[in-house]
């Protein structure tokens, strides 16, 4: 069992910055992928950024150059530094961990609200 806890959400003005953090605890094994997804009201959940054990990252095209994902494997944490925020970034942001192996396990945090005002 894995528990993911997100922190750092809030209300910011367009052009501002926020840093989200996610701490994972429990039965965590490598290799795995950690990342951030978001879901706005009335829209489907979408991938924002992911990072695999070893450091390979992947970003949604709309956030490239503005968001940076990083992880500390030793501490099982992942962060998302968001800059130049836009109103369209407004969503609930969820931390995700996928444990890769013969059986794949997919875990989600409860989410943290990010609201960007114009």
C-alpha atoms as a PDB file:
ATOM      1  CA  UNK A   1       0.000   0.000   0.000  1.00  0.00           C
ATOM      2  CA  UNK A   2       1.257   3.455  -0.960  1.00  0.00           C
ATOM      3  CA  UNK A   3       0.045   6.783   0.347  1.00  0.00           C
ATOM      4  CA  UNK A   4       0.624  10.026  -1.545  1.00  0.00           C
ATOM      5  CA  UNK A   5       0.156  13.428   0.066  1.00  0.00           C
ATOM      6  CA  UNK A   6       0.231  16.630  -1.985  1.00  0.00           C
ATOM      7  CA  UNK A   7       0.982  20.080  -0.622  1.00  0.00           C
ATOM      8  CA  UNK A   8       1.571  23.528  -2.047  1.00  0.00           C
ATOM      9  CA  UNK A   9      -1.624  24.388  -3.876  1.00  0.00           C
ATOM     10  CA  UNK A  10      -3.256  27.762  -3.579  1.00  0.00           C
ATOM     11  CA  UNK A  11      -4.475  30.902  -5.277  1.00  0.00           C
ATOM     12  CA  UNK A  12      -2.083  32.972  -7.359  1.00  0.00           C
ATOM     13  CA  UNK A  13      -2.317  35.682  -9.972  1.00  0.00           C
ATOM     14  CA  UNK A  14      -1.447  35.072 -13.594  1.00  0.00           C
ATOM     15  CA  UNK A  15       2.286  35.150 -14.067  1.00  0.00           C
ATOM     16  CA  UNK A  16       2.962  33.931 -10.563  1.00  0.00           C
ATOM     17  CA  UNK A  17       4.589  30.770  -9.305  1.00  0.00           C
ATOM     18  CA  UNK A  18       3.774  27.821  -7.104  1.00  0.00           C
ATOM     19  CA  UNK A  19       5.672  24.755  -6.012  1.00  0.00           C
ATOM     20  CA  UNK A  20       3.799  21.518  -5.427  1.00  0.00           C
ATOM     21  CA  UNK A  21       5.278  18.687  -3.429  1.00  0.00           C
ATOM     22  CA  UNK A  22       4.253  15.077  -3.021  1.00  0.00           C
ATOM     23  CA  UNK A  23       5.498  12.705  -0.372  1.00  0.00           C
ATOM     24  CA  UNK A  24       5.091   8.980  -0.891  1.00  0.00           C
ATOM     25  CA  UNK A  25       5.094   6.440   1.883  1.00  0.00           C
ATOM     26  CA  UNK A  26       4.442   2.734   2.176  1.00  0.00           C
ATOM     27  CA  UNK A  27       5.487  -0.190   0.013  1.00  0.00           C
ATOM     28  CA  UNK A  28       7.404   1.670  -2.666  1.00  0.00           C
ATOM     29  CA  UNK A  29       9.632  -0.287  -5.009  1.00  0.00           C
ATOM     30  CA  UNK A  30      11.722   0.566  -8.021  1.00  0.00           C
ATOM     31  CA  UNK A  31      11.356   0.973 -10.874  1.00  0.00           C
ATOM     32  CA  UNK A  32       8.478   3.365 -10.733  1.00  0.00           C
ATOM     33  CA  UNK A  33       7.106   6.483 -12.312  1.00  0.00           C
ATOM     34  CA  UNK A  34       5.993   9.494 -10.316  1.00  0.00           C
ATOM     35  CA  UNK A  35       4.215  12.455 -11.746  1.00  0.00           C
ATOM     36  CA  UNK A  36       1.559  15.098 -11.703  1.00  0.00           C
ATOM     37  CA  UNK A  37      -1.824  15.101 -13.370  1.00  0.00           C
ATOM     38  CA  UNK A  38      -4.527  17.729 -13.301  1.00  0.00           C
ATOM     39  CA  UNK A  39      -8.250  17.922 -13.801  1.00  0.00           C
ATOM     40  CA  UNK A  40     -10.308  21.039 -14.341  1.00  0.00           C
ATOM     41  CA  UNK A  41     -14.084  21.135 -13.848  1.00  0.00           C
ATOM     42  CA  UNK A  42     -15.839  19.516 -16.778  1.00  0.00           C
ATOM     43  CA  UNK A  43     -12.611  18.239 -18.288  1.00  0.00           C
ATOM     44  CA  UNK A  44     -10.757  14.945 -18.324  1.00  0.00           C
ATOM     45  CA  UNK A  45      -7.733  14.358 -16.184  1.00  0.00           C
ATOM     46  CA  UNK A  46      -4.530  15.005 -18.105  1.00  0.00           C
ATOM     47  CA  UNK A  47      -0.863  14.327 -17.602  1.00  0.00           C
ATOM     48  CA  UNK A  48       1.226  17.333 -16.664  1.00  0.00           C
ATOM     49  CA  UNK A  49       4.657  15.874 -16.035  1.00  0.00           C
ATOM     50  CA  UNK A  50       6.217  12.554 -15.074  1.00  0.00           C
ATOM     51  CA  UNK A  51       9.626  11.333 -14.048  1.00  0.00           C
ATOM     52  CA  UNK A  52      10.831   7.741 -14.100  1.00  0.00           C
ATOM     53  CA  UNK A  53      13.330   6.085 -11.800  1.00  0.00           C
ATOM     54  CA  UNK A  54      16.607   7.130 -13.337  1.00  0.00           C
ATOM     55  CA  UNK A  55      15.499  10.644 -14.135  1.00  0.00           C
ATOM     56  CA  UNK A  56      13.789  10.582 -17.527  1.00  0.00           C
ATOM     57  CA  UNK A  57      11.097  13.255 -17.646  1.00  0.00           C
ATOM     58  CA  UNK A  58       8.063  13.855 -19.794  1.00  0.00           C
ATOM     59  CA  UNK A  59       5.969  17.033 -20.029  1.00  0.00           C
ATOM     60  CA  UNK A  60       2.679  18.038 -21.496  1.00  0.00           C
ATOM     61  CA  UNK A  61       3.434  20.360 -24.377  1.00  0.00           C
ATOM     62  CA  UNK A  62       1.541  23.297 -22.887  1.00  0.00           C
ATOM     63  CA  UNK A  63       3.736  23.426 -19.781  1.00  0.00           C
ATOM     64  CA  UNK A  64       7.154  22.926 -21.348  1.00  0.00           C
ATOM     65  CA  UNK A  65       9.469  25.740 -20.386  1.00  0.00           C
ATOM     66  CA  UNK A  66       7.217  26.802 -17.519  1.00  0.00           C
ATOM     67  CA  UNK A  67       6.990  23.750 -15.242  1.00  0.00           C
ATOM     68  CA  UNK A  68       9.806  21.613 -13.905  1.00  0.00           C
ATOM     69  CA  UNK A  69       9.394  18.232 -12.275  1.00  0.00           C
ATOM     70  CA  UNK A  70      11.996  16.770  -9.961  1.00  0.00           C
ATOM     71  CA  UNK A  71      12.246  13.833  -7.617  1.00  0.00           C
ATOM     72  CA  UNK A  72      14.304  12.642  -4.723  1.00  0.00           C
ATOM     73  CA  UNK A  73      14.208   8.867  -4.990  1.00  0.00           C
ATOM     74  CA  UNK A  74      15.870   8.400  -1.644  1.00  0.00           C
ATOM     75  CA  UNK A  75      13.073  10.304   0.052  1.00  0.00           C
ATOM     76  CA  UNK A  76      10.346   9.186  -2.354  1.00  0.00           C
ATOM     77  CA  UNK A  77       9.226  12.715  -3.043  1.00  0.00           C
ATOM     78  CA  UNK A  78       8.381  14.540  -6.228  1.00  0.00           C
ATOM     79  CA  UNK A  79       7.938  18.259  -6.787  1.00  0.00           C
ATOM     80  CA  UNK A  80       6.491  20.422  -9.509  1.00  0.00           C
ATOM     81  CA  UNK A  81       7.835  23.945  -9.828  1.00  0.00           C
ATOM     82  CA  UNK A  82       5.307  26.003 -11.750  1.00  0.00           C
ATOM     83  CA  UNK A  83       6.156  29.419 -13.131  1.00  0.00           C
ATOM     84  CA  UNK A  84       4.436  31.856 -15.472  1.00  0.00           C
ATOM     85  CA  UNK A  85       1.110  30.441 -14.417  1.00  0.00           C
ATOM     86  CA  UNK A  86      -1.908  31.025 -16.613  1.00  0.00           C
ATOM     87  CA  UNK A  87      -5.630  30.913 -15.822  1.00  0.00           C
ATOM     88  CA  UNK A  88      -5.878  27.758 -17.922  1.00  0.00           C
ATOM     89  CA  UNK A  89      -3.576  26.048 -15.441  1.00  0.00           C
ATOM     90  CA  UNK A  90      -6.385  26.177 -12.889  1.00  0.00           C
ATOM     91  CA  UNK A  91      -7.221  22.633 -11.825  1.00  0.00           C
ATOM     92  CA  UNK A  92      -6.941  20.081  -9.091  1.00  0.00           C
ATOM     93  CA  UNK A  93      -3.451  18.654  -9.284  1.00  0.00           C
ATOM     94  CA  UNK A  94      -2.927  15.017  -8.365  1.00  0.00           C
ATOM     95  CA  UNK A  95       0.240  13.188  -7.492  1.00  0.00           C
ATOM     96  CA  UNK A  96       0.615   9.790  -9.112  1.00  0.00           C
ATOM     97  CA  UNK A  97       2.896   6.817  -8.619  1.00  0.00           C
ATOM     98  CA  UNK A  98       3.017   3.762 -10.858  1.00  0.00           C
ATOM     99  CA  UNK A  99       5.031   0.799  -9.627  1.00  0.00           C
ATOM    100  CA  UNK A 100       6.371  -1.111 -12.591  1.00  0.00           C
ATOM    101  CA  UNK A 101       6.766  -4.873 -12.371  1.00  0.00           C
ATOM    102  CA  UNK A 102       5.080  -8.186 -13.154  1.00  0.00           C
ATOM    103  CA  UNK A 103       2.004  -6.577 -11.614  1.00  0.00           C
ATOM    104  CA  UNK A 104       1.582  -2.835 -12.112  1.00  0.00           C
ATOM    105  CA  UNK A 105       0.193  -0.785  -9.242  1.00  0.00           C
ATOM    106  CA  UNK A 106      -1.214   2.680  -9.747  1.00  0.00           C
ATOM    107  CA  UNK A 107      -1.613   5.068  -6.804  1.00  0.00           C
ATOM    108  CA  UNK A 108      -3.120   8.534  -6.515  1.00  0.00           C
ATOM    109  CA  UNK A 109      -3.092  11.325  -4.002  1.00  0.00           C
ATOM    110  CA  UNK A 110      -6.207  13.194  -2.962  1.00  0.00           C
ATOM    111  CA  UNK A 111      -5.289  16.277  -4.970  1.00  0.00           C
ATOM    112  CA  UNK A 112      -4.503  19.910  -4.263  1.00  0.00           C
ATOM    113  CA  UNK A 113      -6.304  22.883  -5.775  1.00  0.00           C
ATOM    114  CA  UNK A 114      -4.394  25.354  -7.922  1.00  0.00           C
ATOM    115  CA  UNK A 115      -6.287  28.473  -8.926  1.00  0.00           C
ATOM    116  CA  UNK A 116      -4.793  31.114 -11.188  1.00  0.00           C
ATOM    117  CA  UNK A 117      -6.656  34.400 -11.433  1.00  0.00           C
ATOM    118  CA  UNK A 118      -6.399  36.836 -14.306  1.00  0.00           C
END
